[in-house]
Amino acid sequence: MTSSPAGAHSAKVATLYLENHGWIKQWISRRLGNASDGAELTHDVFVRLLAQPREFESDLHARAWLGRVSRHLCVDFWRRKQLESAWLEALAQRPELCVASEEHQAIILETLRQLQQMLEKLPANVAQAFSLSLLEGLSYQAIAEQLKVSERTVTKYMAQAMLQCALLEAELDGALA
């Protein structure tokens, strides 16, 4: 009986899990200062490997990839925590009558995470122009002066950012449908 490619991949992931789970969990937990978050992110490392099968040239190559993914997940975790902290701080400054329900807060946090991920995919100048326009209310001319580009370039940047917003909205609509 021959094994399927998916079965062979799952077996390889299982072997990698058994050989590397301990040091990855310890490494992530030390970075985060929290064993339960460390355990969750450690599992996310292997879920990524299951979701996107990879072939490794050697055990060293596999460990390097696992380490890199672990670092990226830690950075994402810290960014998410910063975002949540900023949101909770802003929420704390609102009058009690304006406080959103926990469900609404969760929706807002998820939307902010998705917006942050979208901005991170954009070129730096595009993301900065978009942020300056929407968050600080600067005109295209003021943005152009700050970024040392033409106003026409700022218009192009904004069009690029708006396209990404439309794609994100379409993606969210598809997820909700």
N, C-alpha and C. Protein backbone atom coordinates (compact mmCIF):
# COMPACT_ATOMS: atom_id res chain seq x y z
N MET A 1 0.85 -1.18 0.00
CA MET A 1 0.00 0.00 0.00
C MET A 1 0.89 1.24 0.00
N THR A 2 0.62 2.19 -0.90
CA THR A 2 1.42 3.41 -0.96
C THR A 2 0.75 4.51 -0.17
N SER A 3 1.56 5.35 0.41
CA SER A 3 1.00 6.45 1.18
C SER A 3 0.77 7.65 0.27
N SER A 4 -0.23 8.45 0.61
CA SER A 4 -0.54 9.63 -0.19
C SER A 4 0.48 10.72 0.11
N PRO A 5 0.65 11.67 -0.82
CA PRO A 5 1.57 12.77 -0.55
C PRO A 5 1.17 13.56 0.70
N ALA A 6 -0.14 13.73 0.90
CA ALA A 6 -0.59 14.45 2.09
C ALA A 6 -0.25 13.68 3.35
N GLY A 7 -0.40 12.35 3.30
CA GLY A 7 -0.07 11.51 4.45
C GLY A 7 1.42 11.54 4.75
N ALA A 8 2.24 11.53 3.70
CA ALA A 8 3.70 11.59 3.87
C ALA A 8 4.09 12.94 4.48
N HIS A 9 3.43 14.00 4.00
CA HIS A 9 3.74 15.33 4.55
C HIS A 9 3.35 15.40 6.03
N SER A 10 2.18 14.88 6.34
CA SER A 10 1.73 14.89 7.75
C SER A 10 2.71 14.12 8.63
N ALA A 11 3.23 13.03 8.12
CA ALA A 11 4.21 12.25 8.89
C ALA A 11 5.49 13.04 9.11
N LYS A 12 5.93 13.77 8.08
CA LYS A 12 7.13 14.60 8.22
C LYS A 12 6.90 15.71 9.24
N VAL A 13 5.71 16.32 9.19
CA VAL A 13 5.39 17.38 10.15
C VAL A 13 5.34 16.80 11.56
N ALA A 14 4.78 15.63 11.69
CA ALA A 14 4.72 14.98 13.00
C ALA A 14 6.13 14.75 13.55
N THR A 15 7.03 14.30 12.69
CA THR A 15 8.42 14.08 13.11
C THR A 15 9.06 15.40 13.51
N LEU A 16 8.87 16.43 12.69
CA LEU A 16 9.42 17.76 13.03
C LEU A 16 8.84 18.26 14.34
N TYR A 17 7.55 18.02 14.54
CA TYR A 17 6.90 18.44 15.78
C TYR A 17 7.55 17.77 16.99
N LEU A 18 7.70 16.47 16.89
CA LEU A 18 8.30 15.72 18.01
C LEU A 18 9.73 16.17 18.29
N GLU A 19 10.48 16.44 17.24
CA GLU A 19 11.89 16.80 17.40
C GLU A 19 12.11 18.25 17.81
N ASN A 20 11.15 19.16 17.49
CA ASN A 20 11.40 20.59 17.66
C ASN A 20 10.42 21.33 18.56
N HIS A 21 9.31 20.70 18.91
CA HIS A 21 8.28 21.37 19.69
C HIS A 21 8.84 21.96 20.99
N GLY A 22 9.63 21.19 21.70
CA GLY A 22 10.14 21.62 23.01
C GLY A 22 10.96 22.89 22.95
N TRP A 23 11.96 22.92 22.05
CA TRP A 23 12.81 24.11 22.02
C TRP A 23 12.07 25.32 21.47
N ILE A 24 11.15 25.10 20.52
CA ILE A 24 10.38 26.24 19.99
C ILE A 24 9.49 26.81 21.08
N LYS A 25 8.80 25.94 21.80
CA LYS A 25 7.92 26.42 22.87
C LYS A 25 8.72 27.17 23.93
N GLN A 26 9.86 26.63 24.31
CA GLN A 26 10.70 27.29 25.32
C GLN A 26 11.18 28.65 24.80
N TRP A 27 11.61 28.69 23.55
CA TRP A 27 12.13 29.93 22.96
C TRP A 27 11.04 30.99 22.89
N ILE A 28 9.85 30.62 22.37
CA ILE A 28 8.76 31.59 22.25
C ILE A 28 8.27 32.03 23.62
N SER A 29 8.13 31.08 24.55
CA SER A 29 7.65 31.42 25.89
C SER A 29 8.58 32.41 26.58
N ARG A 30 9.91 32.21 26.41
CA ARG A 30 10.87 33.16 26.99
C ARG A 30 10.70 34.54 26.37
N ARG A 31 10.51 34.60 25.06
CA ARG A 31 10.36 35.89 24.37
C ARG A 31 9.10 36.62 24.82
N LEU A 32 8.01 35.85 24.98
CA LEU A 32 6.72 36.47 25.34
C LEU A 32 6.56 36.63 26.84
N GLY A 33 7.35 35.87 27.62
CA GLY A 33 7.22 35.93 29.07
C GLY A 33 5.92 35.29 29.55
N ASN A 34 5.39 34.36 28.73
CA ASN A 34 4.10 33.76 29.06
C ASN A 34 4.03 32.38 28.42
N ALA A 35 3.94 31.35 29.24
CA ALA A 35 3.97 29.97 28.73
C ALA A 35 2.72 29.62 27.92
N SER A 36 1.55 30.13 28.32
CA SER A 36 0.34 29.75 27.58
C SER A 36 0.32 30.39 26.19
N ASP A 37 0.72 31.65 26.08
CA ASP A 37 0.83 32.27 24.75
C ASP A 37 1.93 31.59 23.95
N GLY A 38 2.99 31.20 24.63
CA GLY A 38 4.08 30.48 23.96
C GLY A 38 3.61 29.16 23.39
N ALA A 39 2.80 28.44 24.15
CA ALA A 39 2.27 27.16 23.66
C ALA A 39 1.36 27.36 22.46
N GLU A 40 0.53 28.39 22.52
CA GLU A 40 -0.39 28.66 21.41
C GLU A 40 0.38 29.01 20.13
N LEU A 41 1.38 29.89 20.26
CA LEU A 41 2.15 30.28 19.07
C LEU A 41 2.98 29.11 18.55
N THR A 42 3.45 28.26 19.44
CA THR A 42 4.21 27.08 19.01
C THR A 42 3.34 26.20 18.13
N HIS A 43 2.11 25.99 18.52
CA HIS A 43 1.21 25.19 17.69
C HIS A 43 0.94 25.90 16.36
N ASP A 44 0.85 27.23 16.39
CA ASP A 44 0.64 27.99 15.14
C ASP A 44 1.78 27.77 14.15
N VAL A 45 3.01 27.60 14.66
CA VAL A 45 4.15 27.34 13.78
C VAL A 45 3.89 26.07 12.98
N PHE A 46 3.45 25.04 13.66
CA PHE A 46 3.24 23.76 12.98
C PHE A 46 1.96 23.76 12.14
N VAL A 47 0.98 24.53 12.55
CA VAL A 47 -0.23 24.66 11.72
C VAL A 47 0.14 25.31 10.39
N ARG A 48 1.02 26.29 10.43
CA ARG A 48 1.48 26.91 9.17
C ARG A 48 2.17 25.90 8.28
N LEU A 49 2.96 25.06 8.88
CA LEU A 49 3.67 24.04 8.10
C LEU A 49 2.68 23.03 7.50
N LEU A 50 1.65 22.69 8.25
CA LEU A 50 0.63 21.79 7.72
C LEU A 50 -0.17 22.45 6.59
N ALA A 51 -0.46 23.74 6.76
CA ALA A 51 -1.26 24.46 5.77
C ALA A 51 -0.49 24.73 4.48
N GLN A 52 0.81 24.94 4.60
CA GLN A 52 1.64 25.24 3.43
C GLN A 52 2.81 24.27 3.40
N PRO A 53 2.60 23.09 2.83
CA PRO A 53 3.65 22.06 2.82
C PRO A 53 4.96 22.58 2.23
N ARG A 54 6.05 22.16 2.86
CA ARG A 54 7.39 22.56 2.43
C ARG A 54 8.29 21.34 2.45
N GLU A 55 9.28 21.39 1.60
CA GLU A 55 10.34 20.37 1.61
C GLU A 55 11.60 21.03 2.15
N PHE A 56 12.30 20.35 3.03
CA PHE A 56 13.51 20.89 3.61
C PHE A 56 14.70 20.06 3.14
N GLU A 57 15.81 20.75 2.88
CA GLU A 57 17.02 20.08 2.40
C GLU A 57 17.69 19.26 3.49
N SER A 58 17.52 19.72 4.75
CA SER A 58 18.17 19.05 5.86
C SER A 58 17.44 19.41 7.16
N ASP A 59 17.83 18.74 8.23
CA ASP A 59 17.26 19.07 9.54
C ASP A 59 17.62 20.50 9.93
N LEU A 60 18.82 20.93 9.57
CA LEU A 60 19.26 22.30 9.87
C LEU A 60 18.38 23.31 9.13
N HIS A 61 18.08 23.03 7.89
CA HIS A 61 17.21 23.91 7.10
C HIS A 61 15.81 23.98 7.72
N ALA A 62 15.29 22.83 8.16
CA ALA A 62 13.97 22.79 8.80
C ALA A 62 13.97 23.60 10.09
N ARG A 63 15.01 23.44 10.89
CA ARG A 63 15.10 24.20 12.15
C ARG A 63 15.20 25.69 11.89
N ALA A 64 15.93 26.07 10.85
CA ALA A 64 16.05 27.50 10.51
C ALA A 64 14.69 28.05 10.11
N TRP A 65 13.94 27.30 9.30
CA TRP A 65 12.62 27.75 8.88
C TRP A 65 11.69 27.85 10.09
N LEU A 66 11.70 26.84 10.95
CA LEU A 66 10.86 26.86 12.15
C LEU A 66 11.21 28.06 13.05
N GLY A 67 12.49 28.36 13.17
CA GLY A 67 12.92 29.50 13.97
C GLY A 67 12.46 30.82 13.37
N ARG A 68 12.56 30.93 12.05
CA ARG A 68 12.14 32.16 11.37
C ARG A 68 10.64 32.37 11.52
N VAL A 69 9.86 31.33 11.33
CA VAL A 69 8.41 31.44 11.50
C VAL A 69 8.08 31.79 12.94
N SER A 70 8.79 31.21 13.89
CA SER A 70 8.57 31.52 15.31
C SER A 70 8.82 33.00 15.58
N ARG A 71 9.90 33.54 15.03
CA ARG A 71 10.19 34.97 15.22
C ARG A 71 9.09 35.83 14.61
N HIS A 72 8.64 35.48 13.41
CA HIS A 72 7.58 36.25 12.76
C HIS A 72 6.29 36.21 13.56
N LEU A 73 5.96 35.05 14.10
CA LEU A 73 4.75 34.94 14.91
C LEU A 73 4.86 35.76 16.19
N CYS A 74 6.05 35.82 16.78
CA CYS A 74 6.25 36.66 17.96
C CYS A 74 6.05 38.13 17.61
N VAL A 75 6.61 38.57 16.50
CA VAL A 75 6.45 39.96 16.07
C VAL A 75 4.97 40.27 15.84
N ASP A 76 4.26 39.37 15.16
CA ASP A 76 2.83 39.56 14.94
C ASP A 76 2.08 39.63 16.26
N PHE A 77 2.47 38.78 17.21
CA PHE A 77 1.83 38.76 18.53
C PHE A 77 2.04 40.10 19.23
N TRP A 78 3.28 40.62 19.21
CA TRP A 78 3.56 41.90 19.87
C TRP A 78 2.80 43.04 19.20
N ARG A 79 2.73 43.03 17.89
CA ARG A 79 1.97 44.06 17.18
C ARG A 79 0.50 44.00 17.57
N ARG A 80 -0.04 42.80 17.63
CA ARG A 80 -1.44 42.62 18.00
C ARG A 80 -1.67 43.14 19.43
N LYS A 81 -0.74 42.83 20.33
CA LYS A 81 -0.86 43.30 21.72
C LYS A 81 -0.79 44.83 21.79
N GLN A 82 0.10 45.44 20.99
CA GLN A 82 0.19 46.90 20.95
C GLN A 82 -1.12 47.49 20.48
N LEU A 83 -1.67 46.92 19.45
CA LEU A 83 -2.93 47.39 18.89
C LEU A 83 -4.05 47.26 19.92
N GLU A 84 -4.13 46.12 20.58
CA GLU A 84 -5.15 45.91 21.61
C GLU A 84 -4.96 46.89 22.76
N SER A 85 -3.72 47.13 23.15
CA SER A 85 -3.44 48.05 24.24
C SER A 85 -3.86 49.47 23.88
N ALA A 86 -3.54 49.89 22.65
CA ALA A 86 -3.93 51.23 22.20
C ALA A 86 -5.45 51.35 22.16
N TRP A 87 -6.11 50.29 21.69
CA TRP A 87 -7.57 50.31 21.64
C TRP A 87 -8.16 50.40 23.04
N LEU A 88 -7.66 49.60 23.97
CA LEU A 88 -8.18 49.62 25.34
C LEU A 88 -7.91 50.96 26.01
N GLU A 89 -6.77 51.55 25.70
CA GLU A 89 -6.46 52.88 26.25
C GLU A 89 -7.44 53.92 25.71
N ALA A 90 -7.70 53.88 24.41
CA ALA A 90 -8.66 54.81 23.81
C ALA A 90 -10.05 54.57 24.37
N LEU A 91 -10.40 53.32 24.57
CA LEU A 91 -11.70 52.96 25.11
C LEU A 91 -11.86 53.47 26.54
N ALA A 92 -10.79 53.39 27.31
CA ALA A 92 -10.83 53.83 28.71
C ALA A 92 -11.06 55.34 28.82
N GLN A 93 -10.69 56.07 27.79
CA GLN A 93 -10.85 57.53 27.82
C GLN A 93 -12.25 57.98 27.40
N ARG A 94 -13.07 57.04 26.91
CA ARG A 94 -14.43 57.38 26.48
C ARG A 94 -15.35 57.37 27.69
N PRO A 95 -16.39 58.19 27.65
CA PRO A 95 -17.39 58.13 28.72
C PRO A 95 -18.04 56.75 28.78
N GLU A 96 -18.45 56.34 29.96
CA GLU A 96 -18.98 54.99 30.15
C GLU A 96 -20.19 54.71 29.26
N LEU A 97 -21.00 55.70 28.97
CA LEU A 97 -22.18 55.50 28.14
C LEU A 97 -21.82 55.13 26.70
N CYS A 98 -20.60 55.47 26.28
CA CYS A 98 -20.18 55.21 24.90
C CYS A 98 -19.42 53.90 24.74
N VAL A 99 -19.24 53.15 25.80
CA VAL A 99 -18.45 51.92 25.73
C VAL A 99 -19.21 50.86 24.94
N ALA A 100 -18.51 50.25 23.99
CA ALA A 100 -19.10 49.22 23.14
C ALA A 100 -19.18 47.90 23.88
N SER A 101 -20.08 47.04 23.42
CA SER A 101 -20.20 45.70 24.01
C SER A 101 -18.92 44.92 23.72
N GLU A 102 -18.73 43.82 24.46
CA GLU A 102 -17.53 43.00 24.24
C GLU A 102 -17.50 42.44 22.83
N GLU A 103 -18.65 42.07 22.30
CA GLU A 103 -18.71 41.55 20.92
C GLU A 103 -18.30 42.64 19.93
N HIS A 104 -18.81 43.85 20.13
CA HIS A 104 -18.46 44.97 19.25
C HIS A 104 -16.97 45.30 19.36
N GLN A 105 -16.44 45.24 20.57
CA GLN A 105 -15.01 45.49 20.77
C GLN A 105 -14.18 44.45 20.03
N ALA A 106 -14.60 43.18 20.10
CA ALA A 106 -13.87 42.12 19.40
C ALA A 106 -13.89 42.35 17.89
N ILE A 107 -15.02 42.78 17.36
CA ILE A 107 -15.14 43.06 15.94
C ILE A 107 -14.22 44.21 15.55
N ILE A 108 -14.20 45.25 16.38
CA ILE A 108 -13.34 46.41 16.11
C ILE A 108 -11.87 46.00 16.14
N LEU A 109 -11.47 45.21 17.14
CA LEU A 109 -10.08 44.76 17.22
C LEU A 109 -9.69 43.93 16.01
N GLU A 110 -10.56 43.05 15.58
CA GLU A 110 -10.27 42.22 14.40
C GLU A 110 -10.15 43.10 13.15
N THR A 111 -11.02 44.09 13.03
CA THR A 111 -10.96 45.01 11.89
C THR A 111 -9.66 45.80 11.92
N LEU A 112 -9.26 46.25 13.10
CA LEU A 112 -7.99 46.99 13.22
C LEU A 112 -6.81 46.10 12.86
N ARG A 113 -6.84 44.82 13.27
CA ARG A 113 -5.76 43.88 12.91
C ARG A 113 -5.68 43.70 11.41
N GLN A 114 -6.84 43.55 10.78
CA GLN A 114 -6.85 43.36 9.33
C GLN A 114 -6.37 44.62 8.60
N LEU A 115 -6.75 45.78 9.11
CA LEU A 115 -6.28 47.03 8.52
C LEU A 115 -4.76 47.15 8.70
N GLN A 116 -4.26 46.79 9.87
CA GLN A 116 -2.82 46.84 10.12
C GLN A 116 -2.09 45.90 9.17
N GLN A 117 -2.61 44.70 8.97
CA GLN A 117 -1.99 43.75 8.05
C GLN A 117 -2.00 44.29 6.63
N MET A 118 -3.10 44.94 6.24
CA MET A 118 -3.19 45.52 4.90
C MET A 118 -2.13 46.61 4.73
N LEU A 119 -2.00 47.47 5.75
CA LEU A 119 -1.00 48.55 5.67
C LEU A 119 0.42 48.01 5.60
N GLU A 120 0.68 46.90 6.29
CA GLU A 120 2.01 46.31 6.28
C GLU A 120 2.37 45.73 4.92
N LYS A 121 1.36 45.39 4.12
CA LYS A 121 1.60 44.85 2.78
C LYS A 121 1.91 45.95 1.77
N LEU A 122 1.55 47.18 2.09
CA LEU A 122 1.76 48.30 1.18
C LEU A 122 3.20 48.80 1.27
N PRO A 123 3.70 49.42 0.19
CA PRO A 123 5.00 50.08 0.29
C PRO A 123 4.95 51.15 1.40
N ALA A 124 6.06 51.40 2.03
CA ALA A 124 6.11 52.30 3.20
C ALA A 124 5.52 53.67 2.92
N ASN A 125 5.88 54.28 1.79
CA ASN A 125 5.35 55.62 1.48
C ASN A 125 3.84 55.61 1.27
N VAL A 126 3.32 54.56 0.67
CA VAL A 126 1.88 54.45 0.45
C VAL A 126 1.16 54.35 1.79
N ALA A 127 1.65 53.48 2.67
CA ALA A 127 1.03 53.31 3.99
C ALA A 127 1.13 54.61 4.79
N GLN A 128 2.25 55.29 4.69
CA GLN A 128 2.42 56.54 5.44
C GLN A 128 1.48 57.62 4.91
N ALA A 129 1.36 57.73 3.60
CA ALA A 129 0.45 58.72 3.02
C ALA A 129 -0.99 58.43 3.45
N PHE A 130 -1.38 57.18 3.39
CA PHE A 130 -2.72 56.76 3.79
C PHE A 130 -2.98 57.11 5.26
N SER A 131 -2.02 56.80 6.11
CA SER A 131 -2.16 57.09 7.54
C SER A 131 -2.23 58.59 7.80
N LEU A 132 -1.37 59.34 7.14
CA LEU A 132 -1.37 60.79 7.33
C LEU A 132 -2.70 61.41 6.90
N SER A 133 -3.26 60.89 5.83
CA SER A 133 -4.53 61.42 5.33
C SER A 133 -5.68 61.05 6.26
N LEU A 134 -5.79 59.78 6.59
CA LEU A 134 -6.96 59.33 7.36
C LEU A 134 -6.85 59.56 8.85
N LEU A 135 -5.66 59.37 9.40
CA LEU A 135 -5.52 59.49 10.86
C LEU A 135 -5.23 60.91 11.32
N GLU A 136 -4.46 61.62 10.51
CA GLU A 136 -4.10 62.98 10.91
C GLU A 136 -4.84 64.04 10.14
N GLY A 137 -5.60 63.63 9.12
CA GLY A 137 -6.42 64.57 8.37
C GLY A 137 -5.64 65.54 7.50
N LEU A 138 -4.41 65.18 7.14
CA LEU A 138 -3.60 66.08 6.32
C LEU A 138 -4.10 66.10 4.88
N SER A 139 -3.94 67.24 4.24
CA SER A 139 -4.29 67.36 2.83
C SER A 139 -3.22 66.67 1.99
N TYR A 140 -3.55 66.41 0.74
CA TYR A 140 -2.57 65.78 -0.15
C TYR A 140 -1.33 66.68 -0.29
N GLN A 141 -1.54 67.97 -0.32
CA GLN A 141 -0.42 68.90 -0.44
C GLN A 141 0.50 68.80 0.78
N ALA A 142 -0.09 68.76 1.97
CA ALA A 142 0.70 68.66 3.21
C ALA A 142 1.44 67.31 3.26
N ILE A 143 0.78 66.26 2.80
CA ILE A 143 1.42 64.94 2.77
C ILE A 143 2.59 64.96 1.80
N ALA A 144 2.38 65.57 0.63
CA ALA A 144 3.43 65.66 -0.38
C ALA A 144 4.65 66.39 0.19
N GLU A 145 4.43 67.47 0.91
CA GLU A 145 5.53 68.22 1.51
C GLU A 145 6.25 67.37 2.55
N GLN A 146 5.49 66.66 3.37
CA GLN A 146 6.10 65.85 4.42
C GLN A 146 6.89 64.68 3.84
N LEU A 147 6.36 64.05 2.79
CA LEU A 147 7.03 62.89 2.19
C LEU A 147 8.05 63.29 1.13
N LYS A 148 8.08 64.59 0.82
CA LYS A 148 8.99 65.12 -0.20
C LYS A 148 8.75 64.46 -1.57
N VAL A 149 7.46 64.42 -1.94
CA VAL A 149 7.05 63.92 -3.25
C VAL A 149 6.03 64.90 -3.82
N SER A 150 5.63 64.68 -5.06
CA SER A 150 4.64 65.57 -5.67
C SER A 150 3.25 65.21 -5.17
N GLU A 151 2.35 66.16 -5.33
CA GLU A 151 0.96 65.93 -4.94
C GLU A 151 0.35 64.83 -5.81
N ARG A 152 0.77 64.76 -7.05
CA ARG A 152 0.29 63.72 -7.96
C ARG A 152 0.71 62.33 -7.45
N THR A 153 1.93 62.25 -6.92
CA THR A 153 2.41 60.98 -6.36
C THR A 153 1.57 60.59 -5.15
N VAL A 154 1.22 61.56 -4.33
CA VAL A 154 0.36 61.28 -3.17
C VAL A 154 -0.99 60.75 -3.65
N THR A 155 -1.51 61.33 -4.71
CA THR A 155 -2.79 60.86 -5.27
C THR A 155 -2.66 59.40 -5.71
N LYS A 156 -1.54 59.06 -6.34
CA LYS A 156 -1.30 57.67 -6.75
C LYS A 156 -1.19 56.76 -5.52
N TYR A 157 -0.48 57.23 -4.50
CA TYR A 157 -0.35 56.46 -3.27
C TYR A 157 -1.73 56.17 -2.67
N MET A 158 -2.57 57.21 -2.61
CA MET A 158 -3.89 57.06 -2.01
C MET A 158 -4.76 56.10 -2.83
N ALA A 159 -4.64 56.18 -4.16
CA ALA A 159 -5.39 55.26 -5.01
C ALA A 159 -4.97 53.82 -4.74
N GLN A 160 -3.67 53.62 -4.58
CA GLN A 160 -3.14 52.28 -4.30
C GLN A 160 -3.66 51.78 -2.95
N ALA A 161 -3.67 52.65 -1.95
CA ALA A 161 -4.16 52.27 -0.62
C ALA A 161 -5.66 51.99 -0.65
N MET A 162 -6.40 52.82 -1.37
CA MET A 162 -7.85 52.62 -1.46
C MET A 162 -8.18 51.31 -2.17
N LEU A 163 -7.40 50.95 -3.17
CA LEU A 163 -7.59 49.68 -3.85
C LEU A 163 -7.43 48.53 -2.85
N GLN A 164 -6.40 48.62 -2.02
CA GLN A 164 -6.19 47.58 -1.00
C GLN A 164 -7.35 47.54 -0.01
N CYS A 165 -7.90 48.72 0.33
CA CYS A 165 -9.06 48.77 1.23
C CYS A 165 -10.26 48.08 0.57
N ALA A 166 -10.46 48.34 -0.72
CA ALA A 166 -11.57 47.72 -1.44
C ALA A 166 -11.39 46.21 -1.49
N LEU A 167 -10.16 45.75 -1.71
CA LEU A 167 -9.89 44.32 -1.73
C LEU A 167 -10.15 43.70 -0.36
N LEU A 168 -9.72 44.39 0.69
CA LEU A 168 -9.96 43.90 2.05
C LEU A 168 -11.46 43.84 2.33
N GLU A 169 -12.19 44.86 1.91
CA GLU A 169 -13.64 44.89 2.12
C GLU A 169 -14.30 43.74 1.37
N ALA A 170 -13.88 43.51 0.14
CA ALA A 170 -14.43 42.40 -0.65
C ALA A 170 -14.13 41.07 0.02
N GLU A 171 -12.92 40.94 0.53
CA GLU A 171 -12.52 39.72 1.23
C GLU A 171 -13.38 39.52 2.48
N LEU A 172 -13.62 40.59 3.23
CA LEU A 172 -14.44 40.49 4.43
C LEU A 172 -15.89 40.18 4.08
N ASP A 173 -16.40 40.80 3.02
CA ASP A 173 -17.77 40.51 2.60
C ASP A 173 -17.91 39.06 2.21
N GLY A 174 -16.89 38.52 1.54
CA GLY A 174 -16.91 37.12 1.17
C GLY A 174 -16.87 36.21 2.38
N ALA A 175 -16.13 36.64 3.41
CA ALA A 175 -16.03 35.84 4.63
C ALA A 175 -17.34 35.88 5.42
N LEU A 176 -18.06 36.99 5.31
CA LEU A 176 -19.30 37.13 6.05
C LEU A 176 -20.49 36.51 5.32
N ALA A 177 -20.36 36.33 4.01
CA ALA A 177 -21.51 35.82 3.22
C ALA A 177 -21.71 34.35 3.44
